PDB file of N, CA and C in Angstrom:
ATOM      1  N   MET A   1      80.306 126.030  78.002  1.00  0.00           N
ATOM      2  CA  MET A   1      80.882 124.904  78.728  1.00  0.00           C
ATOM      3  C   MET A   1      81.168 125.299  80.170  1.00  0.00           C
ATOM      4  N   GLU A   2      80.611 124.534  81.048  1.00  0.00           N
ATOM      5  CA  GLU A   2      80.868 124.798  82.457  1.00  0.00           C
ATOM      6  C   GLU A   2      82.089 124.012  82.915  1.00  0.00           C
ATOM      7  N   LYS A   3      82.843 124.648  83.769  1.00  0.00           N
ATOM      8  CA  LYS A   3      84.036 123.988  84.305  1.00  0.00           C
ATOM      9  C   LYS A   3      83.618 123.167  85.530  1.00  0.00           C
ATOM     10  N   GLU A   4      83.872 121.839  85.436  1.00  0.00           N
ATOM     11  CA  GLU A   4      83.504 120.971  86.563  1.00  0.00           C
ATOM     12  C   GLU A   4      84.520 121.110  87.680  1.00  0.00           C
ATOM     13  N   GLU A   5      84.014 121.205  88.873  1.00  0.00           N
ATOM     14  CA  GLU A   5      84.914 121.247  90.019  1.00  0.00           C
ATOM     15  C   GLU A   5      85.030 119.854  90.594  1.00  0.00           C
ATOM     16  N   MET A   6      86.262 119.430  90.782  1.00  0.00           N
ATOM     17  CA  MET A   6      86.484 118.110  91.358  1.00  0.00           C
ATOM     18  C   MET A   6      86.294 118.189  92.868  1.00  0.00           C
ATOM     19  N   GLU A   7      85.812 117.084  93.409  1.00  0.00           N
ATOM     20  CA  GLU A   7      85.648 117.044  94.855  1.00  0.00           C
ATOM     21  C   GLU A   7      87.012 116.974  95.515  1.00  0.00           C
ATOM     22  N   LYS A   8      87.179 117.741  96.552  1.00  0.00           N
ATOM     23  CA  LYS A   8      88.444 117.723  97.275  1.00  0.00           C
ATOM     24  C   LYS A   8      88.382 116.628  98.326  1.00  0.00           C
ATOM     25  N   VAL A   9      89.358 115.735  98.267  1.00  0.00           N
ATOM     26  CA  VAL A   9      89.425 114.637  99.226  1.00  0.00           C
ATOM     27  C   VAL A   9      90.415 115.034 100.308  1.00  0.00           C
ATOM     28  N   VAL A  10      89.968 114.972 101.529  1.00  0.00           N
ATOM     29  CA  VAL A  10      90.831 115.325 102.653  1.00  0.00           C
ATOM     30  C   VAL A  10      91.340 114.028 103.273  1.00  0.00           C
ATOM     31  N   VAL A  11      92.643 113.855 103.292  1.00  0.00           N
ATOM     32  CA  VAL A  11      93.259 112.673 103.886  1.00  0.00           C
ATOM     33  C   VAL A  11      93.874 113.091 105.213  1.00  0.00           C
ATOM     34  N   LYS A  12      93.352 112.519 106.272  1.00  0.00           N
ATOM     35  CA  LYS A  12      93.876 112.855 107.595  1.00  0.00           C
ATOM     36  C   LYS A  12      95.052 111.938 107.906  1.00  0.00           C
ATOM     37  N   PRO A  13      96.206 112.488 108.255  1.00  0.00           N
ATOM     38  CA  PRO A  13      97.348 111.630 108.584  1.00  0.00           C
ATOM     39  C   PRO A  13      97.115 110.912 109.916  1.00  0.00           C
ATOM     40  N   THR A  14      96.977 109.606 109.840  1.00  0.00           N
ATOM     41  CA  THR A  14      96.757 108.802 111.037  1.00  0.00           C
ATOM     42  C   THR A  14      97.852 107.748 111.120  1.00  0.00           C
ATOM     43  N   TRP A  15      97.961 107.104 112.277  1.00  0.00           N
ATOM     44  CA  TRP A  15      98.952 106.038 112.441  1.00  0.00           C
ATOM     45  C   TRP A  15      98.617 104.858 111.545  1.00  0.00           C
ATOM     46  N   GLN A  16      97.339 104.622 111.319  1.00  0.00           N
ATOM     47  CA  GLN A  16      96.939 103.521 110.436  1.00  0.00           C
ATOM     48  C   GLN A  16      97.453 103.772 109.020  1.00  0.00           C
ATOM     49  N   LEU A  17      97.335 104.987 108.553  1.00  0.00           N
ATOM     50  CA  LEU A  17      97.841 105.336 107.224  1.00  0.00           C
ATOM     51  C   LEU A  17      99.360 105.225 107.179  1.00  0.00           C
ATOM     52  N   ALA A  18     100.023 105.697 108.229  1.00  0.00           N
ATOM     53  CA  ALA A  18     101.482 105.646 108.273  1.00  0.00           C
ATOM     54  C   ALA A  18     101.985 104.204 108.267  1.00  0.00           C
ATOM     55  N   TRP A  19     101.368 103.332 109.082  1.00  0.00           N
ATOM     56  CA  TRP A  19     101.792 101.935 109.109  1.00  0.00           C
ATOM     57  C   TRP A  19     101.481 101.238 107.795  1.00  0.00           C
ATOM     58  N   GLY A  20     100.372 101.586 107.182  1.00  0.00           N
ATOM     59  CA  GLY A  20     100.035 101.010 105.880  1.00  0.00           C
ATOM     60  C   GLY A  20     101.068 101.371 104.827  1.00  0.00           C
ATOM     61  N   LEU A  21     101.480 102.633 104.830  1.00  0.00           N
ATOM     62  CA  LEU A  21     102.504 103.056 103.875  1.00  0.00           C
ATOM     63  C   LEU A  21     103.856 102.409 104.178  1.00  0.00           C
ATOM     64  N   ALA A  22     104.187 102.286 105.465  1.00  0.00           N
ATOM     65  CA  ALA A  22     105.465 101.683 105.852  1.00  0.00           C
ATOM     66  C   ALA A  22     105.523 100.220 105.413  1.00  0.00           C
ATOM     67  N   TRP A  23     104.432  99.471 105.640  1.00  0.00           N
ATOM     68  CA  TRP A  23     104.421  98.067 105.221  1.00  0.00           C
ATOM     69  C   TRP A  23     104.475  97.935 103.716  1.00  0.00           C
ATOM     70  N   ARG A  24     103.786  98.825 103.021  1.00  0.00           N
ATOM     71  CA  ARG A  24     103.803  98.780 101.551  1.00  0.00           C
ATOM     72  C   ARG A  24     105.209  99.029 101.033  1.00  0.00           C
ATOM     73  N   ILE A  25     105.906 100.021 101.576  1.00  0.00           N
ATOM     74  CA  ILE A  25     107.281 100.319 101.167  1.00  0.00           C
ATOM     75  C   ILE A  25     108.190  99.137 101.488  1.00  0.00           C
ATOM     76  N   PHE A  26     107.994  98.527 102.680  1.00  0.00           N
ATOM     77  CA  PHE A  26     108.805  97.373 103.075  1.00  0.00           C
ATOM     78  C   PHE A  26     108.640  96.225 102.083  1.00  0.00           C
ATOM     79  N   PHE A  27     107.412  95.890 101.723  1.00  0.00           N
ATOM     80  CA  PHE A  27     107.179  94.769 100.827  1.00  0.00           C
ATOM     81  C   PHE A  27     107.650  95.057  99.407  1.00  0.00           C
ATOM     82  N   ILE A  28     107.535  96.299  98.953  1.00  0.00           N
ATOM     83  CA  ILE A  28     108.049  96.652  97.631  1.00  0.00           C
ATOM     84  C   ILE A  28     109.563  96.516  97.606  1.00  0.00           C
ATOM     85  N   CYS A  29     110.243  97.017  98.644  1.00  0.00           N
ATOM     86  CA  CYS A  29     111.707  96.888  98.720  1.00  0.00           C
ATOM     87  C   CYS A  29     112.121  95.424  98.824  1.00  0.00           C
ATOM     88  N   LEU A  30     111.391  94.650  99.612  1.00  0.00           N
ATOM     89  CA  LEU A  30     111.695  93.226  99.748  1.00  0.00           C
ATOM     90  C   LEU A  30     111.564  92.515  98.408  1.00  0.00           C
ATOM     91  N   GLY A  31     110.549  92.850  97.648  1.00  0.00           N
ATOM     92  CA  GLY A  31     110.366  92.255  96.329  1.00  0.00           C
ATOM     93  C   GLY A  31     111.483  92.633  95.376  1.00  0.00           C
ATOM     94  N   ILE A  32     111.898  93.893  95.412  1.00  0.00           N
ATOM     95  CA  ILE A  32     112.986  94.341  94.535  1.00  0.00           C
ATOM     96  C   ILE A  32     114.281  93.613  94.894  1.00  0.00           C
ATOM     97  N   TYR A  33     114.576  93.520  96.212  1.00  0.00           N
ATOM     98  CA  TYR A  33     115.786  92.816  96.642  1.00  0.00           C
ATOM     99  C   TYR A  33     115.716  91.339  96.276  1.00  0.00           C
ATOM    100  N   ALA A  34     114.542  90.725  96.377  1.00  0.00           N
ATOM    101  CA  ALA A  34     114.398  89.312  96.036  1.00  0.00           C
ATOM    102  C   ALA A  34     114.652  89.088  94.548  1.00  0.00           C
ATOM    103  N   ILE A  35     114.173  89.983  93.710  1.00  0.00           N
ATOM    104  CA  ILE A  35     114.403  89.859  92.266  1.00  0.00           C
ATOM    105  C   ILE A  35     115.885  90.011  91.952  1.00  0.00           C
ATOM    106  N   ILE A  36     116.528  91.017  92.547  1.00  0.00           N
ATOM    107  CA  ILE A  36     117.955  91.233  92.304  1.00  0.00           C
ATOM    108  C   ILE A  36     118.762  90.045  92.810  1.00  0.00           C
ATOM    109  N   PHE A  37     118.455  89.545  94.012  1.00  0.00           N
ATOM    110  CA  PHE A  37     119.179  88.398  94.560  1.00  0.00           C
ATOM    111  C   PHE A  37     118.948  87.156  93.705  1.00  0.00           C
ATOM    112  N   GLY A  38     117.731  86.976  93.224  1.00  0.00           N
ATOM    113  CA  GLY A  38     117.432  85.825  92.375  1.00  0.00           C
ATOM    114  C   GLY A  38     118.228  85.843  91.080  1.00  0.00           C
ATOM    115  N   ILE A  39     118.339  87.012  90.464  1.00  0.00           N
ATOM    116  CA  ILE A  39     119.125  87.124  89.235  1.00  0.00           C
ATOM    117  C   ILE A  39     120.595  86.858  89.522  1.00  0.00           C
ATOM    118  N   MET A  40     121.119  87.446  90.611  1.00  0.00           N
ATOM    119  CA  MET A  40     122.525  87.231  90.966  1.00  0.00           C
ATOM    120  C   MET A  40     122.789  85.761  91.285  1.00  0.00           C
ATOM    121  N   PHE A  41     121.871  85.126  92.006  1.00  0.00           N
ATOM    122  CA  PHE A  41     122.028  83.718  92.352  1.00  0.00           C
ATOM    123  C   PHE A  41     122.025  82.850  91.092  1.00  0.00           C
ATOM    124  N   ALA A  42     121.148  83.152  90.154  1.00  0.00           N
ATOM    125  CA  ALA A  42     121.074  82.367  88.921  1.00  0.00           C
ATOM    126  C   ALA A  42     122.353  82.528  88.095  1.00  0.00           C
ATOM    127  N   VAL A  43     122.821  83.766  87.954  1.00  0.00           N
ATOM    128  CA  VAL A  43     124.015  84.007  87.134  1.00  0.00           C
ATOM    129  C   VAL A  43     125.254  83.425  87.798  1.00  0.00           C
ATOM    130  N   LEU A  44     125.460  83.752  89.076  1.00  0.00           N
ATOM    131  CA  LEU A  44     126.645  83.244  89.776  1.00  0.00           C
ATOM    132  C   LEU A  44     126.567  81.737  89.976  1.00  0.00           C
ATOM    133  N   GLY A  45     125.386  81.218  90.243  1.00  0.00           N
ATOM    134  CA  GLY A  45     125.227  79.785  90.437  1.00  0.00           C
ATOM    135  C   GLY A  45     125.568  78.995  89.195  1.00  0.00           C
ATOM    136  N   THR A  46     125.080  79.452  88.056  1.00  0.00           N
ATOM    137  CA  THR A  46     125.388  78.738  86.819  1.00  0.00           C
ATOM    138  C   THR A  46     126.863  78.884  86.453  1.00  0.00           C
ATOM    139  N   THR A  47     127.450  80.036  86.753  1.00  0.00           N
ATOM    140  CA  THR A  47     128.872  80.236  86.470  1.00  0.00           C
ATOM    141  C   THR A  47     129.731  79.313  87.325  1.00  0.00           C
ATOM    142  N   ILE A  48     129.449  79.261  88.615  1.00  0.00           N
ATOM    143  CA  ILE A  48     130.223  78.395  89.515  1.00  0.00           C
ATOM    144  C   ILE A  48     129.990  76.922  89.172  1.00  0.00           C
ATOM    145  N   TRP A  49     128.753  76.566  88.826  1.00  0.00           N
ATOM    146  CA  TRP A  49     128.444  75.184  88.457  1.00  0.00           C
ATOM    147  C   TRP A  49     129.225  74.777  87.208  1.00  0.00           C
ATOM    148  N   ALA A  50     129.258  75.649  86.210  1.00  0.00           N
ATOM    149  CA  ALA A  50     130.004  75.345  84.983  1.00  0.00           C
ATOM    150  C   ALA A  50     131.500  75.244  85.281  1.00  0.00           C
ATOM    151  N   TRP A  51     132.006  76.103  86.158  1.00  0.00           N
ATOM    152  CA  TRP A  51     133.431  76.058  86.506  1.00  0.00           C
ATOM    153  C   TRP A  51     133.771  74.761  87.239  1.00  0.00           C
ATOM    154  N   LEU A  52     132.896  74.356  88.154  1.00  0.00           N
ATOM    155  CA  LEU A  52     133.135  73.112  88.876  1.00  0.00           C
ATOM    156  C   LEU A  52     133.061  71.900  87.961  1.00  0.00           C
ATOM    157  N   GLN A  53     132.190  71.937  86.991  1.00  0.00           N
ATOM    158  CA  GLN A  53     132.071  70.822  86.049  1.00  0.00           C
ATOM    159  C   GLN A  53     133.274  70.723  85.124  1.00  0.00           C
ATOM    160  N   SER A  54     133.934  71.841  84.872  1.00  0.00           N
ATOM    161  CA  SER A  54     135.071  71.832  83.952  1.00  0.00           C
ATOM    162  C   SER A  54     136.371  71.434  84.640  1.00  0.00           C
ATOM    163  N   MET A  55     136.358  71.371  85.977  1.00  0.00           N
ATOM    164  CA  MET A  55     137.569  70.983  86.687  1.00  0.00           C
ATOM    165  C   MET A  55     137.845  69.493  86.489  1.00  0.00           C
ATOM    166  N   PRO A  56     139.103  69.131  86.298  1.00  0.00           N
ATOM    167  CA  PRO A  56     139.408  67.702  86.134  1.00  0.00           C
ATOM    168  C   PRO A  56     139.213  66.964  87.456  1.00  0.00           C
ATOM    169  N   THR A  57     138.738  65.747  87.351  1.00  0.00           N
ATOM    170  CA  THR A  57     138.532  64.953  88.543  1.00  0.00           C
ATOM    171  C   THR A  57     139.850  64.294  88.939  1.00  0.00           C
ATOM    172  N   MET A  58     140.020  64.058  90.210  1.00  0.00           N
ATOM    173  CA  MET A  58     141.267  63.440  90.689  1.00  0.00           C
ATOM    174  C   MET A  58     141.124  61.919  90.619  1.00  0.00           C
ATOM    175  N   PRO A  59     142.092  61.254  90.040  1.00  0.00           N
ATOM    176  CA  PRO A  59     142.009  59.778  90.003  1.00  0.00           C
ATOM    177  C   PRO A  59     142.294  59.189  91.392  1.00  0.00           C
ATOM    178  N   TYR A  60     141.535  58.184  91.746  1.00  0.00           N
ATOM    179  CA  TYR A  60     141.731  57.535  93.051  1.00  0.00           C
ATOM    180  C   TYR A  60     142.338  56.176  92.864  1.00  0.00           C
TER     181      TYR A  60
END
């Protein structure tokens, strides 16, 4: 059995690569924050809505 040698890929650090990684990290973080905010908004929104609905109305 011969041992296969994998081709070595050389990645040159360029500004294009750096900006690509920066934008990717930004969008991943934005997505994570959007999911967390959406869950918090749904939970707190339904809680506040239920609390407001349970309050007695004032007679006029």
